[in-house]
PDB file of N, CA and C in Angstrom:
ATOM      1  N   MET A   1     -92.959  28.699 -15.513  1.00  0.00           N
ATOM      2  CA  MET A   1     -92.178  29.729 -14.861  1.00  0.00           C
ATOM      3  C   MET A   1     -91.441  29.118 -13.666  1.00  0.00           C
ATOM      4  N   SER A   2     -90.227  29.534 -13.443  1.00  0.00           N
ATOM      5  CA  SER A   2     -89.414  29.020 -12.347  1.00  0.00           C
ATOM      6  C   SER A   2     -89.921  29.520 -11.006  1.00  0.00           C
ATOM      7  N   ARG A   3     -89.690  28.714 -10.005  1.00  0.00           N
ATOM      8  CA  ARG A   3     -90.009  29.116  -8.639  1.00  0.00           C
ATOM      9  C   ARG A   3     -88.715  29.491  -7.947  1.00  0.00           C
ATOM     10  N   TYR A   4     -88.775  30.428  -7.038  1.00  0.00           N
ATOM     11  CA  TYR A   4     -87.585  30.927  -6.367  1.00  0.00           C
ATOM     12  C   TYR A   4     -87.749  30.850  -4.863  1.00  0.00           C
ATOM     13  N   THR A   5     -86.626  30.857  -4.173  1.00  0.00           N
ATOM     14  CA  THR A   5     -86.603  30.907  -2.724  1.00  0.00           C
ATOM     15  C   THR A   5     -85.409  31.751  -2.300  1.00  0.00           C
ATOM     16  N   THR A   6     -85.329  32.055  -1.037  1.00  0.00           N
ATOM     17  CA  THR A   6     -84.219  32.821  -0.492  1.00  0.00           C
ATOM     18  C   THR A   6     -83.421  31.913   0.428  1.00  0.00           C
ATOM     19  N   ILE A   7     -82.095  32.001   0.339  1.00  0.00           N
ATOM     20  CA  ILE A   7     -81.238  31.248   1.258  1.00  0.00           C
ATOM     21  C   ILE A   7     -80.378  32.235   2.030  1.00  0.00           C
ATOM     22  N   ARG A   8     -79.995  31.839   3.225  1.00  0.00           N
ATOM     23  CA  ARG A   8     -79.121  32.680   4.044  1.00  0.00           C
ATOM     24  C   ARG A   8     -77.722  32.088   4.027  1.00  0.00           C
ATOM     25  N   VAL A   9     -76.755  32.949   3.784  1.00  0.00           N
ATOM     26  CA  VAL A   9     -75.355  32.540   3.835  1.00  0.00           C
ATOM     27  C   VAL A   9     -74.598  33.595   4.625  1.00  0.00           C
ATOM     28  N   SER A  10     -73.473  33.204   5.160  1.00  0.00           N
ATOM     29  CA  SER A  10     -72.665  34.153   5.912  1.00  0.00           C
ATOM     30  C   SER A  10     -72.077  35.189   4.951  1.00  0.00           C
ATOM     31  N   VAL A  11     -71.628  36.278   5.497  1.00  0.00           N
ATOM     32  CA  VAL A  11     -71.007  37.334   4.685  1.00  0.00           C
ATOM     33  C   VAL A  11     -69.775  36.773   3.981  1.00  0.00           C
ATOM     34  N   GLU A  12     -69.010  35.935   4.675  1.00  0.00           N
ATOM     35  CA  GLU A  12     -67.811  35.348   4.077  1.00  0.00           C
ATOM     36  C   GLU A  12     -68.177  34.461   2.894  1.00  0.00           C
ATOM     37  N   GLU A  13     -69.247  33.659   3.033  1.00  0.00           N
ATOM     38  CA  GLU A  13     -69.669  32.797   1.929  1.00  0.00           C
ATOM     39  C   GLU A  13     -70.157  33.628   0.748  1.00  0.00           C
ATOM     40  N   LYS A  14     -70.838  34.721   1.028  1.00  0.00           N
ATOM     41  CA  LYS A  14     -71.298  35.612  -0.051  1.00  0.00           C
ATOM     42  C   LYS A  14     -70.095  36.204  -0.780  1.00  0.00           C
ATOM     43  N   GLN A  15     -69.069  36.592  -0.031  1.00  0.00           N
ATOM     44  CA  GLN A  15     -67.869  37.147  -0.660  1.00  0.00           C
ATOM     45  C   GLN A  15     -67.169  36.095  -1.515  1.00  0.00           C
ATOM     46  N   ARG A  16     -67.142  34.855  -1.034  1.00  0.00           N
ATOM     47  CA  ARG A  16     -66.551  33.770  -1.818  1.00  0.00           C
ATOM     48  C   ARG A  16     -67.338  33.539  -3.107  1.00  0.00           C
ATOM     49  N   LEU A  17     -68.666  33.599  -3.001  1.00  0.00           N
ATOM     50  CA  LEU A  17     -69.511  33.424  -4.173  1.00  0.00           C
ATOM     51  C   LEU A  17     -69.322  34.575  -5.157  1.00  0.00           C
ATOM     52  N   GLU A  18     -69.171  35.792  -4.649  1.00  0.00           N
ATOM     53  CA  GLU A  18     -68.897  36.938  -5.517  1.00  0.00           C
ATOM     54  C   GLU A  18     -67.564  36.761  -6.241  1.00  0.00           C
ATOM     55  N   ARG A  19     -66.559  36.266  -5.527  1.00  0.00           N
ATOM     56  CA  ARG A  19     -65.243  36.024  -6.138  1.00  0.00           C
ATOM     57  C   ARG A  19     -65.346  34.937  -7.207  1.00  0.00           C
ATOM     58  N   LEU A  20     -66.086  33.882  -6.913  1.00  0.00           N
ATOM     59  CA  LEU A  20     -66.294  32.805  -7.878  1.00  0.00           C
ATOM     60  C   LEU A  20     -67.005  33.339  -9.124  1.00  0.00           C
ATOM     61  N   ALA A  21     -68.019  34.186  -8.921  1.00  0.00           N
ATOM     62  CA  ALA A  21     -68.741  34.769 -10.062  1.00  0.00           C
ATOM     63  C   ALA A  21     -67.783  35.546 -10.953  1.00  0.00           C
ATOM     64  N   LYS A  22     -66.910  36.306 -10.343  1.00  0.00           N
ATOM     65  CA  LYS A  22     -65.947  37.103 -11.113  1.00  0.00           C
ATOM     66  C   LYS A  22     -64.968  36.193 -11.863  1.00  0.00           C
ATOM     67  N   LEU A  23     -64.436  35.177 -11.172  1.00  0.00           N
ATOM     68  CA  LEU A  23     -63.475  34.263 -11.798  1.00  0.00           C
ATOM     69  C   LEU A  23     -64.098  33.463 -12.935  1.00  0.00           C
ATOM     70  N   ALA A  24     -65.373  33.081 -12.770  1.00  0.00           N
ATOM     71  CA  ALA A  24     -66.040  32.245 -13.762  1.00  0.00           C
ATOM     72  C   ALA A  24     -66.743  33.079 -14.830  1.00  0.00           C
ATOM     73  N   GLY A  25     -66.704  34.399 -14.690  1.00  0.00           N
ATOM     74  CA  GLY A  25     -67.336  35.262 -15.676  1.00  0.00           C
ATOM     75  C   GLY A  25     -68.856  35.240 -15.620  1.00  0.00           C
ATOM     76  N   LYS A  26     -69.399  35.007 -14.446  1.00  0.00           N
ATOM     77  CA  LYS A  26     -70.857  34.978 -14.272  1.00  0.00           C
ATOM     78  C   LYS A  26     -71.344  36.363 -13.891  1.00  0.00           C
ATOM     79  N   LYS A  27     -72.539  36.716 -14.367  1.00  0.00           N
ATOM     80  CA  LYS A  27     -73.051  38.065 -14.163  1.00  0.00           C
ATOM     81  C   LYS A  27     -73.786  38.246 -12.837  1.00  0.00           C
ATOM     82  N   SER A  28     -74.187  37.140 -12.220  1.00  0.00           N
ATOM     83  CA  SER A  28     -74.945  37.258 -10.972  1.00  0.00           C
ATOM     84  C   SER A  28     -74.518  36.174  -9.999  1.00  0.00           C
ATOM     85  N   LEU A  29     -74.880  36.362  -8.743  1.00  0.00           N
ATOM     86  CA  LEU A  29     -74.577  35.347  -7.732  1.00  0.00           C
ATOM     87  C   LEU A  29     -75.364  34.073  -8.008  1.00  0.00           C
ATOM     88  N   ALA A  30     -76.582  34.221  -8.526  1.00  0.00           N
ATOM     89  CA  ALA A  30     -77.392  33.040  -8.850  1.00  0.00           C
ATOM     90  C   ALA A  30     -76.705  32.199  -9.926  1.00  0.00           C
ATOM     91  N   GLU A  31     -76.163  32.841 -10.951  1.00  0.00           N
ATOM     92  CA  GLU A  31     -75.433  32.116 -11.994  1.00  0.00           C
ATOM     93  C   GLU A  31     -74.197  31.443 -11.420  1.00  0.00           C
ATOM     94  N   ALA A  32     -73.503  32.128 -10.525  1.00  0.00           N
ATOM     95  CA  ALA A  32     -72.305  31.559  -9.900  1.00  0.00           C
ATOM     96  C   ALA A  32     -72.673  30.357  -9.047  1.00  0.00           C
ATOM     97  N   LEU A  33     -73.779  30.434  -8.337  1.00  0.00           N
ATOM     98  CA  LEU A  33     -74.219  29.309  -7.506  1.00  0.00           C
ATOM     99  C   LEU A  33     -74.607  28.121  -8.376  1.00  0.00           C
ATOM    100  N   ARG A  34     -75.328  28.370  -9.465  1.00  0.00           N
ATOM    101  CA  ARG A  34     -75.675  27.286 -10.391  1.00  0.00           C
ATOM    102  C   ARG A  34     -74.407  26.625 -10.944  1.00  0.00           C
ATOM    103  N   PHE A  35     -73.433  27.461 -11.309  1.00  0.00           N
ATOM    104  CA  PHE A  35     -72.163  26.960 -11.824  1.00  0.00           C
ATOM    105  C   PHE A  35     -71.465  26.075 -10.780  1.00  0.00           C
ATOM    106  N   ALA A  36     -71.387  26.568  -9.545  1.00  0.00           N
ATOM    107  CA  ALA A  36     -70.722  25.817  -8.470  1.00  0.00           C
ATOM    108  C   ALA A  36     -71.425  24.489  -8.218  1.00  0.00           C
ATOM    109  N   LEU A  37     -72.737  24.486  -8.230  1.00  0.00           N
ATOM    110  CA  LEU A  37     -73.491  23.247  -8.019  1.00  0.00           C
ATOM    111  C   LEU A  37     -73.251  22.259  -9.148  1.00  0.00           C
ATOM    112  N   THR A  38     -73.226  22.750 -10.370  1.00  0.00           N
ATOM    113  CA  THR A  38     -72.980  21.879 -11.523  1.00  0.00           C
ATOM    114  C   THR A  38     -71.601  21.238 -11.444  1.00  0.00           C
ATOM    115  N   VAL A  39     -70.602  22.051 -11.121  1.00  0.00           N
ATOM    116  CA  VAL A  39     -69.231  21.536 -11.011  1.00  0.00           C
ATOM    117  C   VAL A  39     -69.133  20.530  -9.866  1.00  0.00           C
ATOM    118  N   ALA A  40     -69.723  20.857  -8.733  1.00  0.00           N
ATOM    119  CA  ALA A  40     -69.660  19.960  -7.575  1.00  0.00           C
ATOM    120  C   ALA A  40     -70.348  18.629  -7.878  1.00  0.00           C
ATOM    121  N   GLU A  41     -71.525  18.675  -8.503  1.00  0.00           N
ATOM    122  CA  GLU A  41     -72.224  17.430  -8.844  1.00  0.00           C
ATOM    123  C   GLU A  41     -71.415  16.587  -9.814  1.00  0.00           C
ATOM    124  N   ARG A  42     -70.837  17.230 -10.811  1.00  0.00           N
ATOM    125  CA  ARG A  42     -70.019  16.504 -11.791  1.00  0.00           C
ATOM    126  C   ARG A  42     -68.826  15.843 -11.121  1.00  0.00           C
ATOM    127  N   GLU A  43     -68.153  16.569 -10.239  1.00  0.00           N
ATOM    128  CA  GLU A  43     -66.981  16.018  -9.554  1.00  0.00           C
ATOM    129  C   GLU A  43     -67.359  14.871  -8.622  1.00  0.00           C
ATOM    130  N   LEU A  44     -68.470  15.015  -7.912  1.00  0.00           N
ATOM    131  CA  LEU A  44     -68.895  13.949  -7.003  1.00  0.00           C
ATOM    132  C   LEU A  44     -69.316  12.696  -7.768  1.00  0.00           C
ATOM    133  N   GLU A  45     -69.901  12.860  -8.946  1.00  0.00           N
ATOM    134  CA  GLU A  45     -70.267  11.709  -9.764  1.00  0.00           C
ATOM    135  C   GLU A  45     -69.036  11.051 -10.361  1.00  0.00           C
ATOM    136  N   ARG A  46     -68.035  11.853 -10.693  1.00  0.00           N
ATOM    137  CA  ARG A  46     -66.810  11.342 -11.304  1.00  0.00           C
ATOM    138  C   ARG A  46     -65.979  10.548 -10.305  1.00  0.00           C
ATOM    139  N   VAL A  47     -65.901  11.035  -9.103  1.00  0.00           N
ATOM    140  CA  VAL A  47     -65.103  10.395  -8.068  1.00  0.00           C
ATOM    141  C   VAL A  47     -66.037   9.600  -7.161  1.00  0.00           C
ATOM    142  N   LYS A  48     -65.874   8.311  -7.179  1.00  0.00           N
ATOM    143  CA  LYS A  48     -66.746   7.452  -6.380  1.00  0.00           C
ATOM    144  C   LYS A  48     -66.118   7.173  -5.009  1.00  0.00           C
ATOM    145  N   VAL A  49     -65.914   8.240  -4.251  1.00  0.00           N
ATOM    146  CA  VAL A  49     -65.338   8.136  -2.919  1.00  0.00           C
ATOM    147  C   VAL A  49     -66.365   8.658  -1.928  1.00  0.00           C
ATOM    148  N   ASP A  50     -66.497   7.967  -0.827  1.00  0.00           N
ATOM    149  CA  ASP A  50     -67.402   8.413   0.220  1.00  0.00           C
ATOM    150  C   ASP A  50     -66.771   9.621   0.907  1.00  0.00           C
ATOM    151  N   PRO A  51     -67.395  10.813   0.787  1.00  0.00           N
ATOM    152  CA  PRO A  51     -66.799  12.011   1.386  1.00  0.00           C
ATOM    153  C   PRO A  51     -66.556  11.882   2.888  1.00  0.00           C
ATOM    154  N   SER A  52     -67.375  11.110   3.583  1.00  0.00           N
ATOM    155  CA  SER A  52     -67.169  10.956   5.026  1.00  0.00           C
ATOM    156  C   SER A  52     -65.862  10.219   5.316  1.00  0.00           C
ATOM    157  N   LYS A  53     -65.462   9.318   4.439  1.00  0.00           N
ATOM    158  CA  LYS A  53     -64.182   8.614   4.629  1.00  0.00           C
ATOM    159  C   LYS A  53     -63.010   9.566   4.440  1.00  0.00           C
ATOM    160  N   VAL A  54     -63.125  10.455   3.473  1.00  0.00           N
ATOM    161  CA  VAL A  54     -62.071  11.437   3.244  1.00  0.00           C
ATOM    162  C   VAL A  54     -61.965  12.360   4.460  1.00  0.00           C
ATOM    163  N   LEU A  55     -63.103  12.835   4.937  1.00  0.00           N
ATOM    164  CA  LEU A  55     -63.092  13.730   6.089  1.00  0.00           C
ATOM    165  C   LEU A  55     -62.591  13.027   7.347  1.00  0.00           C
ATOM    166  N   SER A  56     -62.946  11.749   7.512  1.00  0.00           N
ATOM    167  CA  SER A  56     -62.479  11.035   8.702  1.00  0.00           C
ATOM    168  C   SER A  56     -60.967  10.828   8.676  1.00  0.00           C
ATOM    169  N   SER A  57     -60.380  10.750   7.478  1.00  0.00           N
ATOM    170  CA  SER A  57     -58.927  10.591   7.383  1.00  0.00           C
ATOM    171  C   SER A  57     -58.201  11.828   7.897  1.00  0.00           C
ATOM    172  N   LEU A  58     -58.882  12.967   7.907  1.00  0.00           N
ATOM    173  CA  LEU A  58     -58.261  14.185   8.420  1.00  0.00           C
ATOM    174  C   LEU A  58     -58.011  14.110   9.923  1.00  0.00           C
ATOM    175  N   ALA A  59     -58.645  13.160  10.597  1.00  0.00           N
ATOM    176  CA  ALA A  59     -58.405  12.991  12.029  1.00  0.00           C
ATOM    177  C   ALA A  59     -56.944  12.641  12.294  1.00  0.00           C
ATOM    178  N   TYR A  60     -56.274  12.064  11.300  1.00  0.00           N
ATOM    179  CA  TYR A  60     -54.874  11.670  11.448  1.00  0.00           C
ATOM    180  C   TYR A  60     -53.910  12.741  10.954  1.00  0.00           C
ATOM    181  N   ALA A  61     -54.446  13.823  10.416  1.00  0.00           N
ATOM    182  CA  ALA A  61     -53.604  14.899   9.902  1.00  0.00           C
ATOM    183  C   ALA A  61     -53.045  15.725  11.049  1.00  0.00           C
ATOM    184  N   ARG A  62     -51.885  16.297  10.821  1.00  0.00           N
ATOM    185  CA  ARG A  62     -51.295  17.161  11.841  1.00  0.00           C
ATOM    186  C   ARG A  62     -50.470  18.234  11.151  1.00  0.00           C
ATOM    187  N   ASP A  63     -50.258  19.309  11.851  1.00  0.00           N
ATOM    188  CA  ASP A  63     -49.455  20.402  11.324  1.00  0.00           C
ATOM    189  C   ASP A  63     -47.989  20.020  11.471  1.00  0.00           C
ATOM    190  N   ILE A  64     -47.274  20.029  10.356  1.00  0.00           N
ATOM    191  CA  ILE A  64     -45.850  19.686  10.419  1.00  0.00           C
ATOM    192  C   ILE A  64     -44.984  20.927  10.314  1.00  0.00           C
ATOM    193  N   GLY A  65     -45.623  22.081  10.387  1.00  0.00           N
ATOM    194  CA  GLY A  65     -44.864  23.326  10.350  1.00  0.00           C
ATOM    195  C   GLY A  65     -44.444  23.685   8.938  1.00  0.00           C
ATOM    196  N   GLU A  66     -43.493  24.569   8.853  1.00  0.00           N
ATOM    197  CA  GLU A  66     -43.003  25.020   7.553  1.00  0.00           C
ATOM    198  C   GLU A  66     -42.250  23.889   6.873  1.00  0.00           C
ATOM    199  N   THR A  67     -42.497  23.720   5.582  1.00  0.00           N
ATOM    200  CA  THR A  67     -41.855  22.643   4.837  1.00  0.00           C
ATOM    201  C   THR A  67     -41.161  23.199   3.600  1.00  0.00           C
ATOM    202  N   ASP A  68     -40.321  22.364   3.019  1.00  0.00           N
ATOM    203  CA  ASP A  68     -39.607  22.694   1.797  1.00  0.00           C
ATOM    204  C   ASP A  68     -40.028  21.665   0.749  1.00  0.00           C
ATOM    205  N   ALA A  69     -40.643  22.113  -0.330  1.00  0.00           N
ATOM    206  CA  ALA A  69     -41.172  21.215  -1.357  1.00  0.00           C
ATOM    207  C   ALA A  69     -40.088  20.334  -1.969  1.00  0.00           C
ATOM    208  N   GLU A  70     -38.851  20.770  -1.929  1.00  0.00           N
ATOM    209  CA  GLU A  70     -37.775  19.959  -2.493  1.00  0.00           C
ATOM    210  C   GLU A  70     -37.474  18.734  -1.636  1.00  0.00           C
ATOM    211  N   LYS A  71     -37.965  18.707  -0.410  1.00  0.00           N
ATOM    212  CA  LYS A  71     -37.699  17.585   0.494  1.00  0.00           C
ATOM    213  C   LYS A  71     -38.919  16.688   0.664  1.00  0.00           C
ATOM    214  N   VAL A  72     -39.800  16.632  -0.343  1.00  0.00           N
ATOM    215  CA  VAL A  72     -41.038  15.881  -0.221  1.00  0.00           C
ATOM    216  C   VAL A  72     -40.788  14.394   0.054  1.00  0.00           C
ATOM    217  N   ASP A  73     -39.784  13.791  -0.584  1.00  0.00           N
ATOM    218  CA  ASP A  73     -39.496  12.378  -0.337  1.00  0.00           C
ATOM    219  C   ASP A  73     -39.101  12.135   1.114  1.00  0.00           C
ATOM    220  N   GLU A  74     -38.332  13.032   1.659  1.00  0.00           N
ATOM    221  CA  GLU A  74     -37.916  12.908   3.047  1.00  0.00           C
ATOM    222  C   GLU A  74     -39.117  12.995   3.977  1.00  0.00           C
ATOM    223  N   TYR A  75     -40.022  13.933   3.687  1.00  0.00           N
ATOM    224  CA  TYR A  75     -41.220  14.091   4.518  1.00  0.00           C
ATOM    225  C   TYR A  75     -42.119  12.871   4.445  1.00  0.00           C
ATOM    226  N   LEU A  76     -42.294  12.329   3.221  1.00  0.00           N
ATOM    227  CA  LEU A  76     -43.228  11.220   3.032  1.00  0.00           C
ATOM    228  C   LEU A  76     -42.634   9.865   3.418  1.00  0.00           C
ATOM    229  N   TYR A  77     -41.378   9.651   3.051  1.00  0.00           N
ATOM    230  CA  TYR A  77     -40.799   8.322   3.192  1.00  0.00           C
ATOM    231  C   TYR A  77     -39.628   8.245   4.160  1.00  0.00           C
ATOM    232  N   GLY A  78     -39.220   9.372   4.694  1.00  0.00           N
ATOM    233  CA  GLY A  78     -38.088   9.388   5.593  1.00  0.00           C
ATOM    234  C   GLY A  78     -36.767   9.172   4.877  1.00  0.00           C
ATOM    235  N   VAL A  79     -36.748   9.330   3.563  1.00  0.00           N
ATOM    236  CA  VAL A  79     -35.560   9.109   2.755  1.00  0.00           C
ATOM    237  C   VAL A  79     -34.902  10.459   2.486  1.00  0.00           C
ATOM    238  N   SER A  80     -33.632  10.543   2.790  1.00  0.00           N
ATOM    239  CA  SER A  80     -32.901  11.765   2.458  1.00  0.00           C
ATOM    240  C   SER A  80     -31.890  11.452   1.376  1.00  0.00           C
ATOM    241  N   GLU A  81     -31.629  12.402   0.524  1.00  0.00           N
ATOM    242  CA  GLU A  81     -30.713  12.186  -0.597  1.00  0.00           C
ATOM    243  C   GLU A  81     -29.284  12.260  -0.178  1.00  0.00           C
TER     244      GLU A  81
END
């Protein structure tokens, strides 16, 4: 027989989990959580990147304001057509 425990999550996280359950067609929050864990584990195994390195790269990120997707080359490379 399985053993169970209780976890505490914020109301916002519970709402996100409820939304995920609905999108994934899961009948309960427990099923949605199992699904999310399975997907996360699979993705982390597939991508061999240290998550701390990805997060540390965000230190160099900045808000550039409103952008136009058609000008992506200009934004990235400074090249205008």
